[in-house]
């Protein structure tokens, strides 16, 4: 098992240095995906790339692709560099990097599984955002006919790269905030086990959120509709898996 970290970055210049140095404290190579950031954030990424040299790979997208587009680029880069697994973590500092060793241990014990963070929130979480997550949880449980995925929206997780890239090569995955949900459900449909790991989450350290309420909610609603249709087609297999396990 060879693991790196992929961090999608879009205008998180205030927080990204602390995140990268915290990740580097666990001796992990970082792939930073500059998702069309403004000049100030791009300069911070250039400095990290120069400062950390062999410990950072900077992937630069000419135009903003959205979180999903950045993650697809970063995960493809990770496979090209010879890694077998990649840990996804957000650039805004909301995820607890102290939990990285626990995630890696689980990945080593379950090399074919998706290791999914299951958020434990503090008082910083917006209540509206928290309640909205439960609506998505219910749709994910319906679309998988399972409770296997406890939280499909947490961007702190470890992917086995070969099957993940195979999915990218055969399906278009959501390119914005729908990415985390879409890929988790589709990997589950393909038989990937899911390991849920509780982890503390705060909102976010730099005060920047790129969730666009109207656009991203529309995209997520459309995605749930597509997944529901896909679930109906796969329901005999999903039901069989449920009773066979």
C-alpha atoms as a PDB file:
ATOM      1  CA  UNK A   1       0.000   0.000   0.000  1.00  0.00           C
ATOM      2  CA  UNK A   2       1.339   3.395  -1.037  1.00  0.00           C
ATOM      3  CA  UNK A   3      -0.733   6.392   0.024  1.00  0.00           C
ATOM      4  CA  UNK A   4      -0.671  10.115  -0.705  1.00  0.00           C
ATOM      5  CA  UNK A   5      -2.984  13.026   0.089  1.00  0.00           C
ATOM      6  CA  UNK A   6      -5.050  14.948  -2.473  1.00  0.00           C
ATOM      7  CA  UNK A   7      -6.219  18.449  -1.508  1.00  0.00           C
ATOM      8  CA  UNK A   8      -8.489  20.421  -3.878  1.00  0.00           C
ATOM      9  CA  UNK A   9      -7.795  24.137  -3.408  1.00  0.00           C
ATOM     10  CA  UNK A  10      -9.899  27.064  -4.540  1.00  0.00           C
ATOM     11  CA  UNK A  11      -9.059  30.400  -2.903  1.00  0.00           C
ATOM     12  CA  UNK A  12      -8.122  28.965   0.487  1.00  0.00           C
ATOM     13  CA  UNK A  13      -4.848  30.868   0.652  1.00  0.00           C
ATOM     14  CA  UNK A  14      -5.326  31.722   4.340  1.00  0.00           C
ATOM     15  CA  UNK A  15      -5.719  28.121   5.506  1.00  0.00           C
ATOM     16  CA  UNK A  16      -3.892  25.864   3.059  1.00  0.00           C
ATOM     17  CA  UNK A  17      -0.370  26.284   4.464  1.00  0.00           C
ATOM     18  CA  UNK A  18      -1.444  25.093   7.921  1.00  0.00           C
ATOM     19  CA  UNK A  19      -3.319  22.157   6.386  1.00  0.00           C
ATOM     20  CA  UNK A  20      -0.354  21.086   4.243  1.00  0.00           C
ATOM     21  CA  UNK A  21       2.118  21.306   7.122  1.00  0.00           C
ATOM     22  CA  UNK A  22      -0.240  19.339   9.363  1.00  0.00           C
ATOM     23  CA  UNK A  23      -0.541  16.631   6.697  1.00  0.00           C
ATOM     24  CA  UNK A  24       3.216  16.631   6.162  1.00  0.00           C
ATOM     25  CA  UNK A  25       3.545  15.947   9.891  1.00  0.00           C
ATOM     26  CA  UNK A  26       2.349  12.438   9.017  1.00  0.00           C
ATOM     27  CA  UNK A  27       5.057  12.098   6.334  1.00  0.00           C
ATOM     28  CA  UNK A  28       2.608  11.977   3.433  1.00  0.00           C
ATOM     29  CA  UNK A  29       3.154  13.358  -0.042  1.00  0.00           C
ATOM     30  CA  UNK A  30       0.614  16.076  -0.904  1.00  0.00           C
ATOM     31  CA  UNK A  31      -0.965  16.593  -4.295  1.00  0.00           C
ATOM     32  CA  UNK A  32      -2.351  20.121  -4.317  1.00  0.00           C
ATOM     33  CA  UNK A  33      -4.888  20.819  -7.061  1.00  0.00           C
ATOM     34  CA  UNK A  34      -5.168  24.537  -7.769  1.00  0.00           C
ATOM     35  CA  UNK A  35      -8.720  24.745  -9.074  1.00  0.00           C
ATOM     36  CA  UNK A  36      -8.361  28.083 -10.859  1.00  0.00           C
ATOM     37  CA  UNK A  37      -7.626  30.086  -7.684  1.00  0.00           C
ATOM     38  CA  UNK A  38      -7.016  33.823  -7.718  1.00  0.00           C
ATOM     39  CA  UNK A  39      -3.453  35.128  -7.858  1.00  0.00           C
ATOM     40  CA  UNK A  40      -2.976  35.488  -4.100  1.00  0.00           C
ATOM     41  CA  UNK A  41      -3.903  31.873  -3.355  1.00  0.00           C
ATOM     42  CA  UNK A  42      -1.941  30.661  -6.401  1.00  0.00           C
ATOM     43  CA  UNK A  43       1.136  32.411  -5.025  1.00  0.00           C
ATOM     44  CA  UNK A  44       0.731  30.607  -1.697  1.00  0.00           C
ATOM     45  CA  UNK A  45       0.567  27.280  -3.531  1.00  0.00           C
ATOM     46  CA  UNK A  46       3.644  28.158  -5.578  1.00  0.00           C
ATOM     47  CA  UNK A  47       5.498  28.926  -2.339  1.00  0.00           C
ATOM     48  CA  UNK A  48       4.461  25.605  -0.786  1.00  0.00           C
ATOM     49  CA  UNK A  49       5.553  23.784  -3.935  1.00  0.00           C
ATOM     50  CA  UNK A  50       8.945  25.510  -3.769  1.00  0.00           C
ATOM     51  CA  UNK A  51       9.367  25.178  -0.003  1.00  0.00           C
ATOM     52  CA  UNK A  52       8.456  21.487   0.249  1.00  0.00           C
ATOM     53  CA  UNK A  53       9.995  20.443  -3.089  1.00  0.00           C
ATOM     54  CA  UNK A  54       9.823  16.641  -3.330  1.00  0.00           C
ATOM     55  CA  UNK A  55       7.006  16.395  -0.788  1.00  0.00           C
ATOM     56  CA  UNK A  56       4.417  18.311  -2.830  1.00  0.00           C
ATOM     57  CA  UNK A  57       3.047  17.943  -6.358  1.00  0.00           C
ATOM     58  CA  UNK A  58       1.151  20.971  -7.644  1.00  0.00           C
ATOM     59  CA  UNK A  59      -1.516  20.347 -10.275  1.00  0.00           C
ATOM     60  CA  UNK A  60      -2.873  23.557 -11.767  1.00  0.00           C
ATOM     61  CA  UNK A  61      -6.228  23.777 -13.560  1.00  0.00           C
ATOM     62  CA  UNK A  62      -6.509  26.766 -15.879  1.00  0.00           C
ATOM     63  CA  UNK A  63     -10.180  27.298 -15.043  1.00  0.00           C
ATOM     64  CA  UNK A  64     -12.255  26.454 -12.006  1.00  0.00           C
ATOM     65  CA  UNK A  65     -13.704  22.965 -12.417  1.00  0.00           C
ATOM     66  CA  UNK A  66     -15.423  22.618  -9.057  1.00  0.00           C
ATOM     67  CA  UNK A  67     -14.450  20.345  -6.175  1.00  0.00           C
ATOM     68  CA  UNK A  68     -15.268  17.191  -8.110  1.00  0.00           C
ATOM     69  CA  UNK A  69     -13.305  18.247 -11.169  1.00  0.00           C
ATOM     70  CA  UNK A  70     -10.309  19.056  -8.978  1.00  0.00           C
ATOM     71  CA  UNK A  71     -10.548  15.729  -7.168  1.00  0.00           C
ATOM     72  CA  UNK A  72     -10.717  13.765 -10.413  1.00  0.00           C
ATOM     73  CA  UNK A  73      -7.568  15.545 -11.628  1.00  0.00           C
ATOM     74  CA  UNK A  74      -5.796  14.945  -8.309  1.00  0.00           C
ATOM     75  CA  UNK A  75      -6.736  11.281  -8.041  1.00  0.00           C
ATOM     76  CA  UNK A  76      -5.642  10.618 -11.623  1.00  0.00           C
ATOM     77  CA  UNK A  77      -2.329  12.303 -10.828  1.00  0.00           C
ATOM     78  CA  UNK A  78      -1.938  10.114  -7.718  1.00  0.00           C
ATOM     79  CA  UNK A  79      -2.366   6.927  -9.754  1.00  0.00           C
ATOM     80  CA  UNK A  80       0.054   8.195 -12.405  1.00  0.00           C
ATOM     81  CA  UNK A  81       2.639   8.797  -9.653  1.00  0.00           C
ATOM     82  CA  UNK A  82       2.367   5.177  -8.557  1.00  0.00           C
ATOM     83  CA  UNK A  83       0.183   5.484  -5.467  1.00  0.00           C
ATOM     84  CA  UNK A  84      -2.328   2.758  -4.618  1.00  0.00           C
ATOM     85  CA  UNK A  85      -4.493   4.873  -2.312  1.00  0.00           C
ATOM     86  CA  UNK A  86      -5.245   8.566  -1.819  1.00  0.00           C
ATOM     87  CA  UNK A  87      -6.571  10.402   1.187  1.00  0.00           C
ATOM     88  CA  UNK A  88      -8.897  13.298   0.367  1.00  0.00           C
ATOM     89  CA  UNK A  89      -8.975  16.224   2.787  1.00  0.00           C
ATOM     90  CA  UNK A  90     -10.385  19.746   2.475  1.00  0.00           C
ATOM     91  CA  UNK A  91      -8.186  22.826   2.138  1.00  0.00           C
ATOM     92  CA  UNK A  92     -10.084  24.978   4.633  1.00  0.00           C
ATOM     93  CA  UNK A  93      -8.852  23.302   7.813  1.00  0.00           C
ATOM     94  CA  UNK A  94     -12.180  21.834   8.905  1.00  0.00           C
ATOM     95  CA  UNK A  95     -10.890  18.258   9.068  1.00  0.00           C
ATOM     96  CA  UNK A  96      -8.914  16.868  11.981  1.00  0.00           C
ATOM     97  CA  UNK A  97      -5.513  15.858  10.607  1.00  0.00           C
ATOM     98  CA  UNK A  98      -4.743  14.117  13.907  1.00  0.00           C
ATOM     99  CA  UNK A  99      -7.113  11.368  12.730  1.00  0.00           C
ATOM    100  CA  UNK A 100      -5.041  10.611   9.622  1.00  0.00           C
ATOM    101  CA  UNK A 101      -3.153   7.677  11.250  1.00  0.00           C
ATOM    102  CA  UNK A 102      -6.477   6.066  12.198  1.00  0.00           C
ATOM    103  CA  UNK A 103      -7.749   6.378   8.626  1.00  0.00           C
ATOM    104  CA  UNK A 104      -4.517   4.906   7.259  1.00  0.00           C
ATOM    105  CA  UNK A 105      -4.632   1.985   9.690  1.00  0.00           C
ATOM    106  CA  UNK A 106      -8.175   1.202   8.568  1.00  0.00           C
ATOM    107  CA  UNK A 107      -7.114   1.414   4.919  1.00  0.00           C
ATOM    108  CA  UNK A 108      -4.227  -0.981   5.532  1.00  0.00           C
ATOM    109  CA  UNK A 109      -6.604  -3.425   7.199  1.00  0.00           C
ATOM    110  CA  UNK A 110      -9.227  -3.011   4.448  1.00  0.00           C
ATOM    111  CA  UNK A 111      -7.255  -2.299   1.274  1.00  0.00           C
ATOM    112  CA  UNK A 112     -10.257  -2.658  -1.058  1.00  0.00           C
ATOM    113  CA  UNK A 113     -12.587  -0.458   1.024  1.00  0.00           C
ATOM    114  CA  UNK A 114     -13.604   3.174   0.915  1.00  0.00           C
ATOM    115  CA  UNK A 115     -12.708   4.694   4.279  1.00  0.00           C
ATOM    116  CA  UNK A 116     -15.313   7.406   4.898  1.00  0.00           C
ATOM    117  CA  UNK A 117     -15.168  10.085   7.538  1.00  0.00           C
ATOM    118  CA  UNK A 118     -18.315  10.343   9.647  1.00  0.00           C
ATOM    119  CA  UNK A 119     -18.406  13.901  11.056  1.00  0.00           C
ATOM    120  CA  UNK A 120     -18.680  14.667  14.742  1.00  0.00           C
ATOM    121  CA  UNK A 121     -19.542  18.374  14.721  1.00  0.00           C
ATOM    122  CA  UNK A 122     -18.880  21.056  17.279  1.00  0.00           C
ATOM    123  CA  UNK A 123     -20.920  24.231  17.793  1.00  0.00           C
ATOM    124  CA  UNK A 124     -19.438  25.864  14.667  1.00  0.00           C
ATOM    125  CA  UNK A 125     -21.614  23.881  12.257  1.00  0.00           C
ATOM    126  CA  UNK A 126     -24.485  25.912  10.716  1.00  0.00           C
ATOM    127  CA  UNK A 127     -27.724  24.276  11.841  1.00  0.00           C
ATOM    128  CA  UNK A 128     -29.330  24.658   8.404  1.00  0.00           C
ATOM    129  CA  UNK A 129     -26.371  22.831   6.831  1.00  0.00           C
ATOM    130  CA  UNK A 130     -26.604  20.097   9.466  1.00  0.00           C
ATOM    131  CA  UNK A 131     -30.307  19.481   8.902  1.00  0.00           C
ATOM    132  CA  UNK A 132     -29.857  19.502   5.120  1.00  0.00           C
ATOM    133  CA  UNK A 133     -27.271  16.721   5.414  1.00  0.00           C
ATOM    134  CA  UNK A 134     -29.889  14.404   6.876  1.00  0.00           C
ATOM    135  CA  UNK A 135     -32.026  14.772   3.753  1.00  0.00           C
ATOM    136  CA  UNK A 136     -29.055  13.631   1.663  1.00  0.00           C
ATOM    137  CA  UNK A 137     -28.341  10.775   4.100  1.00  0.00           C
ATOM    138  CA  UNK A 138     -31.882   9.485   3.604  1.00  0.00           C
ATOM    139  CA  UNK A 139     -31.588   9.653  -0.188  1.00  0.00           C
ATOM    140  CA  UNK A 140     -28.243   7.842  -0.093  1.00  0.00           C
ATOM    141  CA  UNK A 141     -29.730   5.092   2.085  1.00  0.00           C
ATOM    142  CA  UNK A 142     -32.595   4.767  -0.407  1.00  0.00           C
ATOM    143  CA  UNK A 143     -30.284   4.787  -3.431  1.00  0.00           C
ATOM    144  CA  UNK A 144     -28.031   2.107  -1.962  1.00  0.00           C
ATOM    145  CA  UNK A 145     -30.845   0.162  -0.220  1.00  0.00           C
ATOM    146  CA  UNK A 146     -28.420   0.116   2.679  1.00  0.00           C
ATOM    147  CA  UNK A 147     -27.214   2.023   5.727  1.00  0.00           C
ATOM    148  CA  UNK A 148     -23.608   1.210   4.820  1.00  0.00           C
ATOM    149  CA  UNK A 149     -22.680   4.832   4.034  1.00  0.00           C
ATOM    150  CA  UNK A 150     -23.231   6.800   7.244  1.00  0.00           C
ATOM    151  CA  UNK A 151     -22.243  10.186   5.776  1.00  0.00           C
ATOM    152  CA  UNK A 152     -21.713  10.619   2.040  1.00  0.00           C
ATOM    153  CA  UNK A 153     -20.875  14.336   2.175  1.00  0.00           C
ATOM    154  CA  UNK A 154     -17.713  14.290   4.284  1.00  0.00           C
ATOM    155  CA  UNK A 155     -14.648  15.116   2.175  1.00  0.00           C
ATOM    156  CA  UNK A 156     -12.252  13.286   4.504  1.00  0.00           C
ATOM    157  CA  UNK A 157     -11.799   9.765   3.136  1.00  0.00           C
ATOM    158  CA  UNK A 158      -9.397   7.274   1.559  1.00  0.00           C
ATOM    159  CA  UNK A 159      -9.926   5.830  -1.919  1.00  0.00           C
ATOM    160  CA  UNK A 160      -8.385   2.687  -3.411  1.00  0.00           C
ATOM    161  CA  UNK A 161      -7.199   4.292  -6.632  1.00  0.00           C
ATOM    162  CA  UNK A 162      -7.449   1.548  -9.258  1.00  0.00           C
ATOM    163  CA  UNK A 163     -11.218   0.945  -8.936  1.00  0.00           C
ATOM    164  CA  UNK A 164     -11.862   4.654  -8.401  1.00  0.00           C
ATOM    165  CA  UNK A 165     -10.101   5.644 -11.628  1.00  0.00           C
ATOM    166  CA  UNK A 166     -11.870   2.783 -13.423  1.00  0.00           C
ATOM    167  CA  UNK A 167     -15.142   4.401 -12.343  1.00  0.00           C
ATOM    168  CA  UNK A 168     -14.002   7.776 -13.706  1.00  0.00           C
ATOM    169  CA  UNK A 169     -13.156   6.109 -17.009  1.00  0.00           C
ATOM    170  CA  UNK A 170     -16.654   4.677 -17.408  1.00  0.00           C
ATOM    171  CA  UNK A 171     -18.927   7.289 -15.807  1.00  0.00           C
ATOM    172  CA  UNK A 172     -19.152  11.053 -15.493  1.00  0.00           C
ATOM    173  CA  UNK A 173     -19.054  11.906 -11.786  1.00  0.00           C
ATOM    174  CA  UNK A 174     -20.434  15.138 -10.319  1.00  0.00           C
ATOM    175  CA  UNK A 175     -17.894  17.933 -10.688  1.00  0.00           C
ATOM    176  CA  UNK A 176     -19.010  20.263  -7.925  1.00  0.00           C
ATOM    177  CA  UNK A 177     -20.284  19.639  -4.402  1.00  0.00           C
ATOM    178  CA  UNK A 178     -22.208  16.625  -5.692  1.00  0.00           C
ATOM    179  CA  UNK A 179     -18.921  14.750  -6.171  1.00  0.00           C
ATOM    180  CA  UNK A 180     -18.542  13.258  -2.680  1.00  0.00           C
ATOM    181  CA  UNK A 181     -22.058  11.820  -2.690  1.00  0.00           C
ATOM    182  CA  UNK A 182     -22.009  10.603  -6.281  1.00  0.00           C
ATOM    183  CA  UNK A 183     -18.718   8.751  -6.073  1.00  0.00           C
ATOM    184  CA  UNK A 184     -19.510   7.102  -2.733  1.00  0.00           C
ATOM    185  CA  UNK A 185     -22.808   5.699  -4.003  1.00  0.00           C
ATOM    186  CA  UNK A 186     -21.368   4.530  -7.313  1.00  0.00           C
ATOM    187  CA  UNK A 187     -18.380   2.837  -5.675  1.00  0.00           C
ATOM    188  CA  UNK A 188     -20.794   1.078  -3.326  1.00  0.00           C
ATOM    189  CA  UNK A 189     -22.872  -0.032  -6.299  1.00  0.00           C
ATOM    190  CA  UNK A 190     -19.700  -1.574  -7.748  1.00  0.00           C
ATOM    191  CA  UNK A 191     -19.224  -3.692  -4.651  1.00  0.00           C
ATOM    192  CA  UNK A 192     -16.686  -1.592  -2.742  1.00  0.00           C
ATOM    193  CA  UNK A 193     -17.005  -2.063   1.035  1.00  0.00           C
ATOM    194  CA  UNK A 194     -17.417   1.110   3.095  1.00  0.00           C
ATOM    195  CA  UNK A 195     -15.746   1.644   6.480  1.00  0.00           C
ATOM    196  CA  UNK A 196     -17.134   4.590   8.473  1.00  0.00           C
ATOM    197  CA  UNK A 197     -14.770   6.388  10.846  1.00  0.00           C
ATOM    198  CA  UNK A 198     -16.004   9.130  13.227  1.00  0.00           C
ATOM    199  CA  UNK A 199     -13.921  12.300  13.040  1.00  0.00           C
ATOM    200  CA  UNK A 200     -14.254  15.784  14.501  1.00  0.00           C
ATOM    201  CA  UNK A 201     -15.188  18.501  12.006  1.00  0.00           C
ATOM    202  CA  UNK A 202     -15.242  22.282  12.444  1.00  0.00           C
ATOM    203  CA  UNK A 203     -16.556  24.927  10.029  1.00  0.00           C
ATOM    204  CA  UNK A 204     -14.163  26.183   8.344  1.00  0.00           C
ATOM    205  CA  UNK A 205     -10.976  27.710   9.752  1.00  0.00           C
ATOM    206  CA  UNK A 206     -10.719  30.491   7.125  1.00  0.00           C
ATOM    207  CA  UNK A 207     -14.419  31.349   7.022  1.00  0.00           C
ATOM    208  CA  UNK A 208     -14.631  30.577   3.285  1.00  0.00           C
ATOM    209  CA  UNK A 209     -17.286  28.276   1.874  1.00  0.00           C
ATOM    210  CA  UNK A 210     -17.669  27.581  -1.839  1.00  0.00           C
ATOM    211  CA  UNK A 211     -21.072  25.901  -1.500  1.00  0.00           C
ATOM    212  CA  UNK A 212     -23.406  27.803  -3.840  1.00  0.00           C
ATOM    213  CA  UNK A 213     -26.811  27.362  -2.264  1.00  0.00           C
ATOM    214  CA  UNK A 214     -28.966  27.454  -5.403  1.00  0.00           C
ATOM    215  CA  UNK A 215     -26.624  25.875  -7.958  1.00  0.00           C
ATOM    216  CA  UNK A 216     -25.235  23.131  -5.754  1.00  0.00           C
ATOM    217  CA  UNK A 217     -28.634  22.197  -4.323  1.00  0.00           C
ATOM    218  CA  UNK A 218     -30.010  21.920  -7.863  1.00  0.00           C
ATOM    219  CA  UNK A 219     -27.054  19.741  -8.911  1.00  0.00           C
ATOM    220  CA  UNK A 220     -27.411  17.554  -5.835  1.00  0.00           C
ATOM    221  CA  UNK A 221     -31.164  17.156  -6.417  1.00  0.00           C
ATOM    222  CA  UNK A 222     -30.571  16.140 -10.030  1.00  0.00           C
ATOM    223  CA  UNK A 223     -27.883  13.720  -8.926  1.00  0.00           C
ATOM    224  CA  UNK A 224     -30.242  12.071  -6.407  1.00  0.00           C
ATOM    225  CA  UNK A 225     -32.829  11.660  -9.171  1.00  0.00           C
ATOM    226  CA  UNK A 226     -30.251   9.978 -11.442  1.00  0.00           C
ATOM    227  CA  UNK A 227     -29.057   7.770  -8.623  1.00  0.00           C
ATOM    228  CA  UNK A 228     -32.626   6.779  -7.773  1.00  0.00           C
ATOM    229  CA  UNK A 229     -33.163   5.654 -11.366  1.00  0.00           C
ATOM    230  CA  UNK A 230     -29.880   3.761 -11.203  1.00  0.00           C
ATOM    231  CA  UNK A 231     -30.922   2.132  -7.943  1.00  0.00           C
ATOM    232  CA  UNK A 232     -34.145   0.851  -9.506  1.00  0.00           C
ATOM    233  CA  UNK A 233     -32.144  -0.849 -12.255  1.00  0.00           C
ATOM    234  CA  UNK A 234     -29.731  -2.335  -9.716  1.00  0.00           C
ATOM    235  CA  UNK A 235     -32.267  -3.129  -6.994  1.00  0.00           C
ATOM    236  CA  UNK A 236     -32.267  -6.931  -7.466  1.00  0.00           C
ATOM    237  CA  UNK A 237     -28.475  -7.023  -7.042  1.00  0.00           C
ATOM    238  CA  UNK A 238     -28.523  -4.569  -4.132  1.00  0.00           C
ATOM    239  CA  UNK A 239     -31.211  -6.575  -2.356  1.00  0.00           C
ATOM    240  CA  UNK A 240     -29.268  -9.798  -2.960  1.00  0.00           C
ATOM    241  CA  UNK A 241     -26.108  -8.220  -1.510  1.00  0.00           C
ATOM    242  CA  UNK A 242     -28.038  -7.072   1.539  1.00  0.00           C
ATOM    243  CA  UNK A 243     -29.269 -10.545   2.399  1.00  0.00           C
ATOM    244  CA  UNK A 244     -26.076 -12.334   1.316  1.00  0.00           C
ATOM    245  CA  UNK A 245     -23.811 -10.288   3.612  1.00  0.00           C
END
